[in-house]
Amino acid sequence: MSQTRLGRLPLHQEWLRLGIVPVVLVGVVACSKGNNTGASSAMPAAGTGGPPAGAMRPASVISKGLSLTMEAINKPTVPTHFSYTAQENINRKFPQAAGSKPQVGAVQMEADIAPDKLSVSTTTNGQKKQAAAETADKMGTATGRLDVLTTLVNGNFTLAFGGVAAQPAGSENVGAVAADRYDINTATADATTQAGFQTAAAMLSGKTKVQSVKGSVWIDKATGRLVRYNVDTQFSDSTGDNWSEHHELLVTQQ
């Protein structure tokens, strides 16, 4: 069952599901900077000549946080709750099917994933779907985790893209978690970062183009986990269609 569903995912969604997109984007931006001293100094912090020696640049911090989010879904070690809200393209035929157009609709998901069980409730454009399974039901848990990954893929993808332009924006509490905040605005990024952004976009070789990403992401200070993001993305395609998407995710360890 999962092979059929995954086969319908656009290329960029398959890359993100496998954790490839964040790595590709970080690498492209690092190369576009022309930095030969290692990834840790490729992205200067706002208002400085660069991060402290040995510090991870914001793009890498976000990439790692996003990877840990997917790991918490695929290989849960503690009970974790995922709350996702979006206005995004819900036409799964776009852009592969000839003549298909993006259709923006509401998506909401609440998922509890633990080492021994999971439950998922997803509502897409008013249509609700629920699933629950325990570890002994391998097919049920695999399908449930895939449902979560598939639901999150659009928001995670835009965050992976926008992360290349992230800048530190202080610290805030997300619930009971002390977190570092990073603000993203690809439209105001420096020219070199924008060049890397466009190069990475070209590598995805599809009809859809990410025009801009703006928003914020919060990373747990203690664990490096992504605990929240709130991003707006502008898209266009080769036929001249333009549309906006909004994605929010809150991740809470129980």
C-alpha atoms as a PDB file:
ATOM      1  CA  MET A   1       0.000   0.000   0.000  1.00  0.00           C
ATOM      2  CA  SER A   2       2.723   2.452   0.931  1.00  0.00           C
ATOM      3  CA  GLN A   3       4.593   1.920  -2.339  1.00  0.00           C
ATOM      4  CA  THR A   4       1.545   3.048  -4.311  1.00  0.00           C
ATOM      5  CA  ARG A   5       0.991   6.120  -2.184  1.00  0.00           C
ATOM      6  CA  LEU A   6       4.618   7.178  -2.240  1.00  0.00           C
ATOM      7  CA  GLY A   7       4.714   6.722  -5.983  1.00  0.00           C
ATOM      8  CA  ARG A   8       2.157   9.520  -6.289  1.00  0.00           C
ATOM      9  CA  LEU A   9       4.335  12.019  -4.412  1.00  0.00           C
ATOM     10  CA  PRO A  10       6.075  14.717  -6.483  1.00  0.00           C
ATOM     11  CA  LEU A  11       9.861  14.438  -6.641  1.00  0.00           C
ATOM     12  CA  HIS A  12      10.490  17.147  -4.050  1.00  0.00           C
ATOM     13  CA  GLN A  13       8.137  15.405  -1.599  1.00  0.00           C
ATOM     14  CA  GLU A  14       9.978  12.103  -2.030  1.00  0.00           C
ATOM     15  CA  TRP A  15      13.282  13.890  -1.366  1.00  0.00           C
ATOM     16  CA  LEU A  16      11.915  15.518   1.755  1.00  0.00           C
ATOM     17  CA  ARG A  17      10.407  12.267   3.052  1.00  0.00           C
ATOM     18  CA  LEU A  18      13.859  10.714   2.804  1.00  0.00           C
ATOM     19  CA  GLY A  19      15.557  13.693   4.459  1.00  0.00           C
ATOM     20  CA  ILE A  20      17.442  14.644   1.296  1.00  0.00           C
ATOM     21  CA  VAL A  21      16.103  18.155   0.665  1.00  0.00           C
ATOM     22  CA  PRO A  22      17.491  19.808   3.837  1.00  0.00           C
ATOM     23  CA  VAL A  23      20.933  18.346   3.141  1.00  0.00           C
ATOM     24  CA  VAL A  24      20.872  19.393  -0.523  1.00  0.00           C
ATOM     25  CA  LEU A  25      19.826  22.947   0.309  1.00  0.00           C
ATOM     26  CA  VAL A  26      22.422  23.405   3.036  1.00  0.00           C
ATOM     27  CA  GLY A  27      25.130  22.048   0.743  1.00  0.00           C
ATOM     28  CA  VAL A  28      24.150  24.243  -2.196  1.00  0.00           C
ATOM     29  CA  VAL A  29      24.154  27.408  -0.100  1.00  0.00           C
ATOM     30  CA  ALA A  30      27.503  26.498   1.451  1.00  0.00           C
ATOM     31  CA  CYS A  31      28.982  25.944  -2.014  1.00  0.00           C
ATOM     32  CA  SER A  32      27.501  29.171  -3.365  1.00  0.00           C
ATOM     33  CA  LYS A  33      29.251  31.011  -0.543  1.00  0.00           C
ATOM     34  CA  GLY A  34      32.537  29.714  -1.873  1.00  0.00           C
ATOM     35  CA  ASN A  35      33.541  28.692   1.653  1.00  0.00           C
ATOM     36  CA  ASN A  36      36.221  25.998   1.832  1.00  0.00           C
ATOM     37  CA  THR A  37      36.663  25.972   5.575  1.00  0.00           C
ATOM     38  CA  GLY A  38      33.655  23.788   6.436  1.00  0.00           C
ATOM     39  CA  ALA A  39      29.906  24.098   6.811  1.00  0.00           C
ATOM     40  CA  SER A  40      29.980  25.661  10.262  1.00  0.00           C
ATOM     41  CA  SER A  41      30.989  29.100   8.968  1.00  0.00           C
ATOM     42  CA  ALA A  42      28.993  29.252   5.747  1.00  0.00           C
ATOM     43  CA  MET A  43      26.093  31.381   7.015  1.00  0.00           C
ATOM     44  CA  PRO A  44      26.952  34.545   9.005  1.00  0.00           C
ATOM     45  CA  ALA A  45      24.550  35.585  11.750  1.00  0.00           C
ATOM     46  CA  ALA A  46      22.674  38.850  11.376  1.00  0.00           C
ATOM     47  CA  GLY A  47      24.750  41.858  12.334  1.00  0.00           C
ATOM     48  CA  THR A  48      28.022  39.930  12.726  1.00  0.00           C
ATOM     49  CA  GLY A  49      30.905  38.729  10.644  1.00  0.00           C
ATOM     50  CA  GLY A  50      29.816  35.140  11.222  1.00  0.00           C
ATOM     51  CA  PRO A  51      28.868  32.677  13.965  1.00  0.00           C
ATOM     52  CA  PRO A  52      31.296  31.801  16.769  1.00  0.00           C
ATOM     53  CA  ALA A  53      33.976  29.283  15.873  1.00  0.00           C
ATOM     54  CA  GLY A  54      32.472  25.790  15.795  1.00  0.00           C
ATOM     55  CA  ALA A  55      28.857  27.044  15.872  1.00  0.00           C
ATOM     56  CA  MET A  56      26.327  25.611  13.439  1.00  0.00           C
ATOM     57  CA  ARG A  57      24.896  28.114  10.988  1.00  0.00           C
ATOM     58  CA  PRO A  58      21.107  28.655  11.209  1.00  0.00           C
ATOM     59  CA  ALA A  59      20.406  26.628   8.052  1.00  0.00           C
ATOM     60  CA  SER A  60      22.141  23.613   9.574  1.00  0.00           C
ATOM     61  CA  VAL A  61      20.358  24.045  12.913  1.00  0.00           C
ATOM     62  CA  ILE A  62      16.976  24.054  11.176  1.00  0.00           C
ATOM     63  CA  SER A  63      17.941  21.157   8.906  1.00  0.00           C
ATOM     64  CA  LYS A  64      18.906  19.082  11.933  1.00  0.00           C
ATOM     65  CA  GLY A  65      15.734  20.073  13.776  1.00  0.00           C
ATOM     66  CA  LEU A  66      13.629  19.048  10.779  1.00  0.00           C
ATOM     67  CA  SER A  67      15.458  15.713  10.578  1.00  0.00           C
ATOM     68  CA  LEU A  68      14.770  15.087  14.270  1.00  0.00           C
ATOM     69  CA  THR A  69      11.083  15.794  13.634  1.00  0.00           C
ATOM     70  CA  MET A  70      10.949  13.103  10.956  1.00  0.00           C
ATOM     71  CA  GLU A  71      12.913  10.746  13.204  1.00  0.00           C
ATOM     72  CA  ALA A  72      10.343  11.248  15.988  1.00  0.00           C
ATOM     73  CA  ILE A  73       7.715  10.057  13.503  1.00  0.00           C
ATOM     74  CA  ASN A  74       9.619   7.150  11.953  1.00  0.00           C
ATOM     75  CA  LYS A  75      11.455   5.942  15.070  1.00  0.00           C
ATOM     76  CA  PRO A  76       9.656   7.298  18.143  1.00  0.00           C
ATOM     77  CA  THR A  77      11.429   6.962  21.481  1.00  0.00           C
ATOM     78  CA  VAL A  78       9.047   9.079  23.595  1.00  0.00           C
ATOM     79  CA  PRO A  79       5.362  10.007  23.186  1.00  0.00           C
ATOM     80  CA  THR A  80       5.136  13.078  20.943  1.00  0.00           C
ATOM     81  CA  HIS A  81       2.166  15.168  19.801  1.00  0.00           C
ATOM     82  CA  PHE A  82       2.103  16.855  16.386  1.00  0.00           C
ATOM     83  CA  SER A  83      -0.386  19.643  15.684  1.00  0.00           C
ATOM     84  CA  TYR A  84      -0.431  20.941  12.103  1.00  0.00           C
ATOM     85  CA  THR A  85      -2.580  23.615  10.446  1.00  0.00           C
ATOM     86  CA  ALA A  86      -2.242  24.790   6.866  1.00  0.00           C
ATOM     87  CA  GLN A  87      -3.740  26.473   3.852  1.00  0.00           C
ATOM     88  CA  GLU A  88      -1.952  24.641   1.055  1.00  0.00           C
ATOM     89  CA  ASN A  89      -2.245  22.903  -2.273  1.00  0.00           C
ATOM     90  CA  ILE A  90      -4.436  19.831  -1.806  1.00  0.00           C
ATOM     91  CA  ASN A  91      -4.550  18.719  -5.444  1.00  0.00           C
ATOM     92  CA  ARG A  92      -2.340  15.612  -5.328  1.00  0.00           C
ATOM     93  CA  LYS A  93      -2.435  15.371  -9.139  1.00  0.00           C
ATOM     94  CA  PHE A  94      -0.608  18.697  -9.468  1.00  0.00           C
ATOM     95  CA  PRO A  95       1.875  19.130 -11.028  1.00  0.00           C
ATOM     96  CA  GLN A  96       2.376  15.665 -12.543  1.00  0.00           C
ATOM     97  CA  ALA A  97      -0.961  15.350 -14.357  1.00  0.00           C
ATOM     98  CA  ALA A  98      -1.174  17.346 -17.559  1.00  0.00           C
ATOM     99  CA  GLY A  99      -3.524  20.315 -17.219  1.00  0.00           C
ATOM    100  CA  SER A 100      -3.808  20.027 -13.441  1.00  0.00           C
ATOM    101  CA  LYS A 101      -3.903  23.219 -11.368  1.00  0.00           C
ATOM    102  CA  PRO A 102      -3.025  23.952  -7.731  1.00  0.00           C
ATOM    103  CA  GLN A 103      -6.028  23.983  -5.404  1.00  0.00           C
ATOM    104  CA  VAL A 104      -5.514  25.641  -2.027  1.00  0.00           C
ATOM    105  CA  GLY A 105      -7.562  24.233   0.845  1.00  0.00           C
ATOM    106  CA  ALA A 106      -7.519  23.818   4.615  1.00  0.00           C
ATOM    107  CA  VAL A 107      -5.559  20.981   6.216  1.00  0.00           C
ATOM    108  CA  GLN A 108      -5.499  20.139   9.918  1.00  0.00           C
ATOM    109  CA  MET A 109      -3.815  17.258  11.702  1.00  0.00           C
ATOM    110  CA  GLU A 110      -3.499  16.082  15.295  1.00  0.00           C
ATOM    111  CA  ALA A 111      -1.217  13.083  15.803  1.00  0.00           C
ATOM    112  CA  ASP A 112       0.061  11.271  18.869  1.00  0.00           C
ATOM    113  CA  ILE A 113       3.006   8.990  18.169  1.00  0.00           C
ATOM    114  CA  ALA A 114       4.634   6.828  20.848  1.00  0.00           C
ATOM    115  CA  PRO A 115       6.959   3.799  20.716  1.00  0.00           C
ATOM    116  CA  ASP A 116       4.030   1.443  21.362  1.00  0.00           C
ATOM    117  CA  LYS A 117       1.117   3.111  19.556  1.00  0.00           C
ATOM    118  CA  LEU A 118      -0.137   6.007  17.467  1.00  0.00           C
ATOM    119  CA  SER A 119      -3.324   7.866  16.638  1.00  0.00           C
ATOM    120  CA  VAL A 120      -3.821  10.315  13.782  1.00  0.00           C
ATOM    121  CA  SER A 121      -6.719  12.575  12.844  1.00  0.00           C
ATOM    122  CA  THR A 122      -6.485  14.550   9.599  1.00  0.00           C
ATOM    123  CA  THR A 123      -9.038  16.860   8.011  1.00  0.00           C
ATOM    124  CA  THR A 124      -8.444  17.947   4.409  1.00  0.00           C
ATOM    125  CA  ASN A 125     -10.854  20.458   2.921  1.00  0.00           C
ATOM    126  CA  GLY A 126     -13.572  19.294   5.324  1.00  0.00           C
ATOM    127  CA  GLN A 127     -13.015  15.560   4.854  1.00  0.00           C
ATOM    128  CA  LYS A 128     -11.869  13.810   8.042  1.00  0.00           C
ATOM    129  CA  LYS A 129      -9.704  10.708   8.288  1.00  0.00           C
ATOM    130  CA  GLN A 130      -8.696   8.902  11.468  1.00  0.00           C
ATOM    131  CA  ALA A 131      -6.335   6.057  12.230  1.00  0.00           C
ATOM    132  CA  ALA A 132      -5.042   4.308  15.334  1.00  0.00           C
ATOM    133  CA  ALA A 133      -2.731   1.333  15.813  1.00  0.00           C
ATOM    134  CA  GLU A 134      -0.449  -0.376  18.293  1.00  0.00           C
ATOM    135  CA  THR A 135       3.083  -1.663  17.687  1.00  0.00           C
ATOM    136  CA  ALA A 136       1.904  -5.231  17.063  1.00  0.00           C
ATOM    137  CA  ASP A 137      -0.025  -3.959  14.050  1.00  0.00           C
ATOM    138  CA  LYS A 138       2.989  -3.256  11.854  1.00  0.00           C
ATOM    139  CA  MET A 139       0.936  -2.402   8.771  1.00  0.00           C
ATOM    140  CA  GLY A 140      -1.312  -0.079  10.766  1.00  0.00           C
ATOM    141  CA  THR A 141       1.567   1.801  12.421  1.00  0.00           C
ATOM    142  CA  ALA A 142       3.490   2.069   9.139  1.00  0.00           C
ATOM    143  CA  THR A 143       0.406   3.458   7.387  1.00  0.00           C
ATOM    144  CA  GLY A 144      -0.282   5.890  10.241  1.00  0.00           C
ATOM    145  CA  ARG A 145       3.271   7.219  10.210  1.00  0.00           C
ATOM    146  CA  LEU A 146       3.120   7.588   6.447  1.00  0.00           C
ATOM    147  CA  ASP A 147      -0.116   9.562   6.796  1.00  0.00           C
ATOM    148  CA  VAL A 148       1.648  11.971   9.170  1.00  0.00           C
ATOM    149  CA  LEU A 149       4.680  12.339   6.897  1.00  0.00           C
ATOM    150  CA  THR A 150       2.476  12.895   3.849  1.00  0.00           C
ATOM    151  CA  THR A 151       0.431  15.533   5.671  1.00  0.00           C
ATOM    152  CA  LEU A 152       3.504  17.423   6.860  1.00  0.00           C
ATOM    153  CA  VAL A 153       5.456  17.230   3.626  1.00  0.00           C
ATOM    154  CA  ASN A 154       4.315  20.553   2.092  1.00  0.00           C
ATOM    155  CA  GLY A 155       5.094  22.579   5.211  1.00  0.00           C
ATOM    156  CA  ASN A 156       8.373  20.791   5.853  1.00  0.00           C
ATOM    157  CA  PHE A 157       9.410  21.305   2.253  1.00  0.00           C
ATOM    158  CA  THR A 158       8.902  25.071   2.361  1.00  0.00           C
ATOM    159  CA  LEU A 159      10.710  25.245   5.696  1.00  0.00           C
ATOM    160  CA  ALA A 160      13.639  23.309   4.256  1.00  0.00           C
ATOM    161  CA  PHE A 161      13.789  25.812   1.408  1.00  0.00           C
ATOM    162  CA  GLY A 162      13.381  28.885   3.566  1.00  0.00           C
ATOM    163  CA  GLY A 163      15.881  27.705   6.159  1.00  0.00           C
ATOM    164  CA  VAL A 164      18.778  28.783   3.958  1.00  0.00           C
ATOM    165  CA  ALA A 165      17.856  32.424   4.707  1.00  0.00           C
ATOM    166  CA  ALA A 166      17.246  31.990   8.459  1.00  0.00           C
ATOM    167  CA  GLN A 167      18.691  34.466  10.935  1.00  0.00           C
ATOM    168  CA  PRO A 168      18.809  34.259  14.769  1.00  0.00           C
ATOM    169  CA  ALA A 169      15.989  36.234  16.426  1.00  0.00           C
ATOM    170  CA  GLY A 170      16.536  35.673  20.138  1.00  0.00           C
ATOM    171  CA  SER A 171      15.034  33.125  22.505  1.00  0.00           C
ATOM    172  CA  GLU A 172      11.434  32.411  23.542  1.00  0.00           C
ATOM    173  CA  ASN A 173       9.520  29.756  25.423  1.00  0.00           C
ATOM    174  CA  VAL A 174       7.316  27.437  23.387  1.00  0.00           C
ATOM    175  CA  GLY A 175       5.077  26.046  26.067  1.00  0.00           C
ATOM    176  CA  ALA A 176       7.463  24.780  28.731  1.00  0.00           C
ATOM    177  CA  VAL A 177      10.408  24.526  26.285  1.00  0.00           C
ATOM    178  CA  ALA A 178      13.172  27.127  26.091  1.00  0.00           C
ATOM    179  CA  ALA A 179      13.758  27.629  22.368  1.00  0.00           C
ATOM    180  CA  ASP A 180      15.941  29.601  19.978  1.00  0.00           C
ATOM    181  CA  ARG A 181      13.937  31.497  17.395  1.00  0.00           C
ATOM    182  CA  TYR A 182      15.030  31.965  13.781  1.00  0.00           C
ATOM    183  CA  ASP A 183      13.281  34.357  11.413  1.00  0.00           C
ATOM    184  CA  ILE A 184      13.139  33.648   7.681  1.00  0.00           C
ATOM    185  CA  ASN A 185      12.649  36.046   4.778  1.00  0.00           C
ATOM    186  CA  THR A 186      14.122  34.890   1.499  1.00  0.00           C
ATOM    187  CA  ALA A 187      13.107  38.185  -0.149  1.00  0.00           C
ATOM    188  CA  THR A 188      15.555  40.154   2.021  1.00  0.00           C
ATOM    189  CA  ALA A 189      18.372  37.586   2.108  1.00  0.00           C
ATOM    190  CA  ASP A 190      21.777  38.614   0.778  1.00  0.00           C
ATOM    191  CA  ALA A 191      22.478  38.099  -2.915  1.00  0.00           C
ATOM    192  CA  THR A 192      24.683  35.038  -2.385  1.00  0.00           C
ATOM    193  CA  THR A 193      22.063  33.261  -0.301  1.00  0.00           C
ATOM    194  CA  GLN A 194      19.393  34.067  -2.885  1.00  0.00           C
ATOM    195  CA  ALA A 195      21.646  32.610  -5.587  1.00  0.00           C
ATOM    196  CA  GLY A 196      21.949  29.392  -3.589  1.00  0.00           C
ATOM    197  CA  PHE A 197      18.192  29.394  -3.057  1.00  0.00           C
ATOM    198  CA  GLN A 198      17.565  29.628  -6.803  1.00  0.00           C
ATOM    199  CA  THR A 199      20.180  26.960  -7.581  1.00  0.00           C
ATOM    200  CA  ALA A 200      18.528  24.568  -5.143  1.00  0.00           C
ATOM    201  CA  ALA A 201      15.124  25.309  -6.693  1.00  0.00           C
ATOM    202  CA  ALA A 202      16.463  24.469 -10.143  1.00  0.00           C
ATOM    203  CA  MET A 203      17.713  21.095  -8.875  1.00  0.00           C
ATOM    204  CA  LEU A 204      14.130  20.026  -8.119  1.00  0.00           C
ATOM    205  CA  SER A 205      13.351  20.100 -11.842  1.00  0.00           C
ATOM    206  CA  GLY A 206       9.600  20.517 -11.626  1.00  0.00           C
ATOM    207  CA  LYS A 207       6.838  22.870 -12.746  1.00  0.00           C
ATOM    208  CA  THR A 208       6.512  24.397  -9.283  1.00  0.00           C
ATOM    209  CA  LYS A 209       8.788  27.230  -8.195  1.00  0.00           C
ATOM    210  CA  VAL A 210       9.178  28.601  -4.677  1.00  0.00           C
ATOM    211  CA  GLN A 211       9.163  32.381  -5.051  1.00  0.00           C
ATOM    212  CA  SER A 212       9.631  33.345  -1.405  1.00  0.00           C
ATOM    213  CA  VAL A 213       9.391  32.027   2.145  1.00  0.00           C
ATOM    214  CA  LYS A 214       8.739  34.168   5.209  1.00  0.00           C
ATOM    215  CA  GLY A 215       8.142  33.152   8.814  1.00  0.00           C
ATOM    216  CA  SER A 216       9.762  31.793  11.947  1.00  0.00           C
ATOM    217  CA  VAL A 217      10.987  28.509  13.402  1.00  0.00           C
ATOM    218  CA  TRP A 218      11.735  27.572  17.005  1.00  0.00           C
ATOM    219  CA  ILE A 219      14.401  25.027  18.016  1.00  0.00           C
ATOM    220  CA  ASP A 220      14.633  23.433  21.469  1.00  0.00           C
ATOM    221  CA  LYS A 221      17.811  24.758  23.120  1.00  0.00           C
ATOM    222  CA  ALA A 222      18.486  21.516  24.980  1.00  0.00           C
ATOM    223  CA  THR A 223      17.817  18.887  22.313  1.00  0.00           C
ATOM    224  CA  GLY A 224      18.026  20.654  18.936  1.00  0.00           C
ATOM    225  CA  ARG A 225      14.493  19.447  18.140  1.00  0.00           C
ATOM    226  CA  LEU A 226      12.175  21.560  16.032  1.00  0.00           C
ATOM    227  CA  VAL A 227       9.289  22.508  18.331  1.00  0.00           C
ATOM    228  CA  ARG A 228       7.379  24.987  16.184  1.00  0.00           C
ATOM    229  CA  TYR A 229       7.254  26.686  12.808  1.00  0.00           C
ATOM    230  CA  ASN A 230       4.989  29.275  11.217  1.00  0.00           C
ATOM    231  CA  VAL A 231       5.731  30.031   7.557  1.00  0.00           C
ATOM    232  CA  ASP A 232       4.119  31.672   4.527  1.00  0.00           C
ATOM    233  CA  THR A 233       5.231  30.680   1.047  1.00  0.00           C
ATOM    234  CA  GLN A 234       4.624  32.158  -2.391  1.00  0.00           C
ATOM    235  CA  PHE A 235       4.583  29.722  -5.324  1.00  0.00           C
ATOM    236  CA  SER A 236       4.323  29.930  -9.088  1.00  0.00           C
ATOM    237  CA  ASP A 237       4.300  27.403 -11.897  1.00  0.00           C
ATOM    238  CA  SER A 238       5.317  27.248 -15.532  1.00  0.00           C
ATOM    239  CA  THR A 239       1.785  28.093 -16.724  1.00  0.00           C
ATOM    240  CA  GLY A 240       1.718  31.407 -14.856  1.00  0.00           C
ATOM    241  CA  ASP A 241      -0.379  30.372 -11.860  1.00  0.00           C
ATOM    242  CA  ASN A 242       0.573  31.990  -8.540  1.00  0.00           C
ATOM    243  CA  TRP A 243      -0.652  30.972  -5.098  1.00  0.00           C
ATOM    244  CA  SER A 244       0.109  31.371  -1.398  1.00  0.00           C
ATOM    245  CA  GLU A 245       0.401  28.725   1.297  1.00  0.00           C
ATOM    246  CA  HIS A 246       0.527  28.976   5.080  1.00  0.00           C
ATOM    247  CA  HIS A 247       1.903  26.245   7.364  1.00  0.00           C
ATOM    248  CA  GLU A 248       2.075  25.917  11.134  1.00  0.00           C
ATOM    249  CA  LEU A 249       3.454  23.026  13.186  1.00  0.00           C
ATOM    250  CA  LEU A 250       3.718  22.557  16.943  1.00  0.00           C
ATOM    251  CA  VAL A 251       5.645  19.537  18.274  1.00  0.00           C
ATOM    252  CA  THR A 252       5.239  18.625  21.955  1.00  0.00           C
ATOM    253  CA  GLN A 253       6.907  15.772  23.788  1.00  0.00           C
ATOM    254  CA  GLN A 254       4.514  14.249  26.313  1.00  0.00           C
END
